[in-house]
N, C-alpha and C. Protein backbone atom coordinates (compact mmCIF):
# COMPACT_ATOMS: atom_id res chain seq x y z
N UNK A 1 8.14 14.19 -16.19
CA UNK A 1 8.50 13.13 -17.09
C UNK A 1 9.03 13.76 -18.38
N UNK A 2 10.15 13.25 -18.86
CA UNK A 2 10.72 13.76 -20.10
C UNK A 2 9.77 13.47 -21.27
N UNK A 3 9.86 14.28 -22.31
CA UNK A 3 8.94 14.15 -23.44
C UNK A 3 9.03 12.78 -24.11
N UNK A 4 10.23 12.21 -24.20
CA UNK A 4 10.38 10.90 -24.81
C UNK A 4 9.68 9.84 -23.95
N UNK A 5 9.88 9.90 -22.65
CA UNK A 5 9.23 8.95 -21.74
C UNK A 5 7.72 9.14 -21.76
N UNK A 6 7.27 10.39 -21.83
CA UNK A 6 5.84 10.66 -21.87
C UNK A 6 5.23 10.07 -23.14
N UNK A 7 5.93 10.20 -24.26
CA UNK A 7 5.46 9.63 -25.52
C UNK A 7 5.34 8.11 -25.41
N UNK A 8 6.33 7.48 -24.83
CA UNK A 8 6.31 6.02 -24.65
C UNK A 8 5.14 5.63 -23.75
N UNK A 9 4.94 6.39 -22.66
CA UNK A 9 3.84 6.13 -21.74
C UNK A 9 2.50 6.22 -22.46
N UNK A 10 2.32 7.26 -23.25
CA UNK A 10 1.06 7.44 -23.99
C UNK A 10 0.84 6.30 -24.97
N UNK A 11 1.90 5.84 -25.61
CA UNK A 11 1.79 4.69 -26.51
C UNK A 11 1.42 3.43 -25.73
N UNK A 12 2.02 3.27 -24.57
CA UNK A 12 1.75 2.08 -23.75
C UNK A 12 0.29 2.03 -23.31
N UNK A 13 -0.32 3.17 -23.13
CA UNK A 13 -1.73 3.20 -22.72
C UNK A 13 -2.65 2.60 -23.77
N UNK A 14 -2.20 2.52 -25.00
CA UNK A 14 -3.03 1.96 -26.08
C UNK A 14 -2.94 0.44 -26.14
N UNK A 15 -2.04 -0.15 -25.37
CA UNK A 15 -1.87 -1.60 -25.38
C UNK A 15 -3.01 -2.30 -24.66
N UNK A 16 -3.19 -3.58 -24.97
CA UNK A 16 -4.16 -4.39 -24.23
C UNK A 16 -3.61 -4.63 -22.83
N UNK A 17 -4.46 -5.11 -21.95
CA UNK A 17 -4.03 -5.39 -20.58
C UNK A 17 -2.87 -6.39 -20.56
N UNK A 18 -2.98 -7.43 -21.36
CA UNK A 18 -1.91 -8.44 -21.40
C UNK A 18 -0.62 -7.85 -21.92
N UNK A 19 -0.69 -7.03 -22.95
CA UNK A 19 0.51 -6.41 -23.50
C UNK A 19 1.15 -5.46 -22.48
N UNK A 20 0.33 -4.77 -21.69
CA UNK A 20 0.86 -3.90 -20.64
C UNK A 20 1.61 -4.71 -19.60
N UNK A 21 1.03 -5.84 -19.20
CA UNK A 21 1.68 -6.71 -18.21
C UNK A 21 3.02 -7.19 -18.75
N UNK A 22 3.04 -7.61 -20.00
CA UNK A 22 4.29 -8.08 -20.61
C UNK A 22 5.33 -6.96 -20.64
N UNK A 23 4.91 -5.76 -21.00
CA UNK A 23 5.83 -4.62 -21.03
C UNK A 23 6.37 -4.32 -19.64
N UNK A 24 5.50 -4.31 -18.67
CA UNK A 24 5.93 -4.06 -17.28
C UNK A 24 6.94 -5.10 -16.85
N UNK A 25 6.66 -6.36 -17.17
CA UNK A 25 7.57 -7.44 -16.80
C UNK A 25 8.95 -7.24 -17.45
N UNK A 26 8.97 -6.89 -18.72
CA UNK A 26 10.24 -6.68 -19.41
C UNK A 26 11.00 -5.49 -18.82
N UNK A 27 10.30 -4.42 -18.52
CA UNK A 27 10.96 -3.26 -17.92
C UNK A 27 11.49 -3.60 -16.53
N UNK A 28 10.68 -4.30 -15.76
CA UNK A 28 11.10 -4.68 -14.41
C UNK A 28 12.37 -5.54 -14.46
N UNK A 29 12.34 -6.56 -15.31
CA UNK A 29 13.50 -7.44 -15.38
C UNK A 29 14.73 -6.75 -15.96
N UNK A 30 14.54 -5.68 -16.71
CA UNK A 30 15.69 -4.96 -17.24
C UNK A 30 16.47 -4.25 -16.13
N UNK A 31 15.85 -4.10 -14.97
CA UNK A 31 16.52 -3.45 -13.83
C UNK A 31 17.35 -4.42 -13.01
N UNK A 32 17.13 -5.70 -13.18
CA UNK A 32 17.79 -6.72 -12.37
C UNK A 32 19.06 -7.25 -13.02
N UNK A 33 19.92 -7.80 -12.17
CA UNK A 33 21.11 -8.47 -12.67
C UNK A 33 20.71 -9.85 -13.18
N UNK A 34 21.58 -10.48 -13.93
CA UNK A 34 21.29 -11.82 -14.46
C UNK A 34 21.11 -12.84 -13.34
N UNK A 35 21.87 -12.70 -12.26
CA UNK A 35 21.76 -13.66 -11.16
C UNK A 35 20.40 -13.56 -10.48
N UNK A 36 19.98 -12.33 -10.19
CA UNK A 36 18.69 -12.18 -9.52
C UNK A 36 17.55 -12.57 -10.46
N UNK A 37 17.69 -12.28 -11.76
CA UNK A 37 16.67 -12.67 -12.73
C UNK A 37 16.54 -14.18 -12.77
N UNK A 38 17.68 -14.88 -12.73
CA UNK A 38 17.64 -16.34 -12.75
C UNK A 38 16.92 -16.88 -11.53
N UNK A 39 17.21 -16.31 -10.36
CA UNK A 39 16.56 -16.76 -9.12
C UNK A 39 15.06 -16.47 -9.18
N UNK A 40 14.68 -15.29 -9.66
CA UNK A 40 13.27 -14.93 -9.76
C UNK A 40 12.57 -15.89 -10.73
N UNK A 41 13.21 -16.20 -11.86
CA UNK A 41 12.62 -17.13 -12.82
C UNK A 41 12.41 -18.51 -12.19
N UNK A 42 13.39 -18.96 -11.40
CA UNK A 42 13.26 -20.25 -10.72
C UNK A 42 12.09 -20.24 -9.75
N UNK A 43 11.97 -19.15 -8.97
CA UNK A 43 10.87 -19.04 -8.01
C UNK A 43 9.51 -19.00 -8.70
N UNK A 44 9.43 -18.25 -9.81
CA UNK A 44 8.16 -18.19 -10.55
C UNK A 44 7.85 -19.54 -11.17
N UNK A 45 8.85 -20.26 -11.62
CA UNK A 45 8.64 -21.59 -12.19
C UNK A 45 8.06 -22.53 -11.14
N UNK A 46 8.63 -22.49 -9.93
CA UNK A 46 8.11 -23.31 -8.83
C UNK A 46 6.67 -22.91 -8.50
N UNK A 47 6.42 -21.62 -8.44
CA UNK A 47 5.07 -21.12 -8.14
C UNK A 47 4.08 -21.58 -9.21
N UNK A 48 4.49 -21.48 -10.46
CA UNK A 48 3.61 -21.90 -11.55
C UNK A 48 3.28 -23.38 -11.46
N UNK A 49 4.29 -24.19 -11.16
CA UNK A 49 4.07 -25.63 -11.03
C UNK A 49 3.11 -25.93 -9.89
N UNK A 50 3.25 -25.21 -8.77
CA UNK A 50 2.35 -25.41 -7.63
C UNK A 50 0.93 -25.00 -7.98
N UNK A 51 0.79 -23.91 -8.72
CA UNK A 51 -0.55 -23.44 -9.11
C UNK A 51 -1.21 -24.40 -10.08
N UNK A 52 -0.44 -24.92 -11.03
CA UNK A 52 -1.00 -25.88 -11.99
C UNK A 52 -1.45 -27.13 -11.24
N UNK A 53 -0.64 -27.61 -10.33
CA UNK A 53 -1.01 -28.80 -9.55
C UNK A 53 -2.28 -28.53 -8.74
N UNK A 54 -2.37 -27.37 -8.11
CA UNK A 54 -3.56 -27.02 -7.33
C UNK A 54 -4.79 -26.94 -8.23
N UNK A 55 -4.63 -26.38 -9.43
CA UNK A 55 -5.73 -26.30 -10.39
C UNK A 55 -6.16 -27.70 -10.81
N UNK A 56 -5.20 -28.53 -11.17
CA UNK A 56 -5.51 -29.88 -11.63
C UNK A 56 -6.16 -30.72 -10.54
N UNK A 57 -5.84 -30.43 -9.28
CA UNK A 57 -6.42 -31.16 -8.15
C UNK A 57 -7.72 -30.54 -7.67
N UNK A 58 -8.19 -29.48 -8.35
CA UNK A 58 -9.44 -28.84 -7.98
C UNK A 58 -9.36 -28.09 -6.66
N UNK A 59 -8.16 -27.65 -6.28
CA UNK A 59 -7.96 -26.99 -4.99
C UNK A 59 -8.15 -25.47 -5.04
N UNK A 60 -8.29 -24.92 -6.25
CA UNK A 60 -8.46 -23.47 -6.37
C UNK A 60 -9.61 -23.16 -7.32
N UNK A 61 -10.24 -22.02 -7.07
CA UNK A 61 -11.26 -21.52 -7.98
C UNK A 61 -10.57 -20.75 -9.08
N UNK A 62 -11.12 -20.82 -10.27
CA UNK A 62 -10.52 -20.10 -11.39
C UNK A 62 -11.56 -19.22 -12.08
N UNK A 63 -11.07 -18.17 -12.69
CA UNK A 63 -11.89 -17.27 -13.49
C UNK A 63 -11.20 -17.12 -14.83
N UNK A 64 -11.94 -17.32 -15.92
CA UNK A 64 -11.31 -17.17 -17.24
C UNK A 64 -10.69 -15.78 -17.41
N UNK A 65 -9.54 -15.73 -18.05
CA UNK A 65 -8.80 -14.47 -18.21
C UNK A 65 -9.64 -13.40 -18.90
N UNK A 66 -10.39 -13.78 -19.94
CA UNK A 66 -11.20 -12.78 -20.64
C UNK A 66 -12.24 -12.15 -19.72
N UNK A 67 -12.79 -12.95 -18.81
CA UNK A 67 -13.74 -12.42 -17.84
C UNK A 67 -13.06 -11.41 -16.91
N UNK A 68 -11.87 -11.73 -16.48
CA UNK A 68 -11.10 -10.83 -15.62
C UNK A 68 -10.80 -9.52 -16.35
N UNK A 69 -10.33 -9.62 -17.59
CA UNK A 69 -10.01 -8.42 -18.36
C UNK A 69 -11.26 -7.57 -18.62
N UNK A 70 -12.39 -8.24 -18.88
CA UNK A 70 -13.65 -7.50 -19.07
C UNK A 70 -14.02 -6.74 -17.81
N UNK A 71 -13.86 -7.37 -16.64
CA UNK A 71 -14.16 -6.70 -15.38
C UNK A 71 -13.24 -5.50 -15.15
N UNK A 72 -11.97 -5.66 -15.50
CA UNK A 72 -11.01 -4.56 -15.35
C UNK A 72 -11.41 -3.40 -16.25
N UNK A 73 -11.75 -3.69 -17.49
CA UNK A 73 -12.15 -2.63 -18.42
C UNK A 73 -13.40 -1.93 -17.93
N UNK A 74 -14.37 -2.69 -17.39
CA UNK A 74 -15.58 -2.08 -16.86
C UNK A 74 -15.26 -1.19 -15.66
N UNK A 75 -14.38 -1.66 -14.79
CA UNK A 75 -13.99 -0.87 -13.61
C UNK A 75 -13.31 0.42 -14.05
N UNK A 76 -12.46 0.32 -15.06
CA UNK A 76 -11.78 1.51 -15.56
C UNK A 76 -12.78 2.52 -16.11
N UNK A 77 -13.76 2.03 -16.84
CA UNK A 77 -14.77 2.93 -17.41
C UNK A 77 -15.62 3.54 -16.30
N UNK A 78 -15.99 2.75 -15.31
CA UNK A 78 -16.82 3.25 -14.20
C UNK A 78 -16.08 4.28 -13.36
N UNK A 79 -14.77 4.13 -13.25
CA UNK A 79 -13.98 5.04 -12.44
C UNK A 79 -13.23 6.06 -13.27
N UNK A 80 -13.41 6.00 -14.59
CA UNK A 80 -12.79 6.94 -15.53
C UNK A 80 -11.27 6.98 -15.40
N UNK A 81 -10.65 5.79 -15.31
CA UNK A 81 -9.19 5.71 -15.27
C UNK A 81 -8.64 5.68 -16.65
C-alpha cells in the first residue's frame, strides 16, 4: 500500500462504525458509472421501503443500532481486531 493510502487507512480506523460505513459507501459508489449508481439507488430505495413496511407490520425482529455497534466493539476487543 502506498504511503498516502496507508495514511488514509490509518485515519479511517479512527472513525466510528457508522462513519466507516459511510466512507465505504462513498468509495464504492465512486467506482460506478452514473447509470449503475442510479439503478443501485433505485434498488436500495425499493429495499428500504420493503423493510420499513415489514417493520411497521411487525414482520421482522429489530435490534437497536447502538446495541449492534456495542456488540461489534466488544467482538473487536475480544478478538483484538
